[in-house]
Amino acid sequence: MIHVVTSENRHLYGPQLWAMHEQRRLQCVEKNGWVDLVVLDGGEIDDYDDSRAIYLLGFDDAMALEVGLRLRPTDDRCMLADKFPHLIAPDESPKKGPDIWEASRLFTTEAYRRRKGAGRGERVFEAWAAAMELGLAHGVSRFVGMIDMQLYPGIMNSPIDTRLVGLPRPYAYGVVAGSEIMLSRALLNRVLEALGREGSIGYHVDALDMFAFGDLGAVQRQVKRAMTPQFSAGAQRDETLAAETLFRLYDRSSQARRIWAEREGALPRVLHA
């Protein structure tokens, strides 16, 4: 499961978002040496961390952060196009528009990278799968971004088709290139196949989830239960909630969001994490 954090549910993720900014500092500033980035209260932040930013976050069973990715629409501004236009070839199509989102600040935590065994590295592709699900649902045709070229060999061996949009250029910390991912259902299916998954990866927690389960960790356990085939029945309430969660996972009309609200008679009070 990947948590989809938007302006609508960001208030539920206070400590988790702080952990994300802290990990970005550890990854971008301390590990990569990008000293020109802004660090506030121990976390890395920039001017694209605004109300339009969407964060895709993956946690372990104890809700310790493992992976993060930021998405943002580009119809108003775009880091690649506005701040690094020299990475875009003259004959390239525009990299800003209503159907283009920018993907940036991808990271995994040191604790996650130390893990060994089966499934190591899957969290990055889960984050990309959740990004693709969200993008397709919002009519996005492509993601744009930038790649440090030392990561390019691994990207080329992944199931995600990533195209460079200009010649790689040296910068203060190595060599970087602009990139583009053309979004399609076929690409998402390929990533899901590589993960051995068939269903949705991303989940947008809201007040109804918090009302039903109490906290983010409990919501995550319930969503993962709904995603996993069960070989024996649990308590009736657990089975009912699992069925409703599963319905919400696959519902594209947003009708399922009213299941609990209608049953309780009104939308519950928003709870804070």
Foldseek 3Di string as FASTA:
>chain_A
DKEKDALACVLQQVVVVVLLQLQLCCVVCVVLPPVVFDADPNGTDDPQPDRQKIKIWDADLVRDTFKIKIKGAFQPHDCCVPVPVVLADPPDDDQHDRQEMEIDSIDGGPVLQPDDDPPRPLVSLLSVLLVLVVSVLRNHFKYKYKDQVVCVVVVVVALFDKDFRHDWDADPRHTMHIIMGGHDPVSSVSSCVVVVADFRRYDHDFQVLCVLQPGPSRSVVLLVVLRDDDPDDDDPSSVVSSVLSVCVRPDSVCPSVCPVQVVVVHRDDRDHD
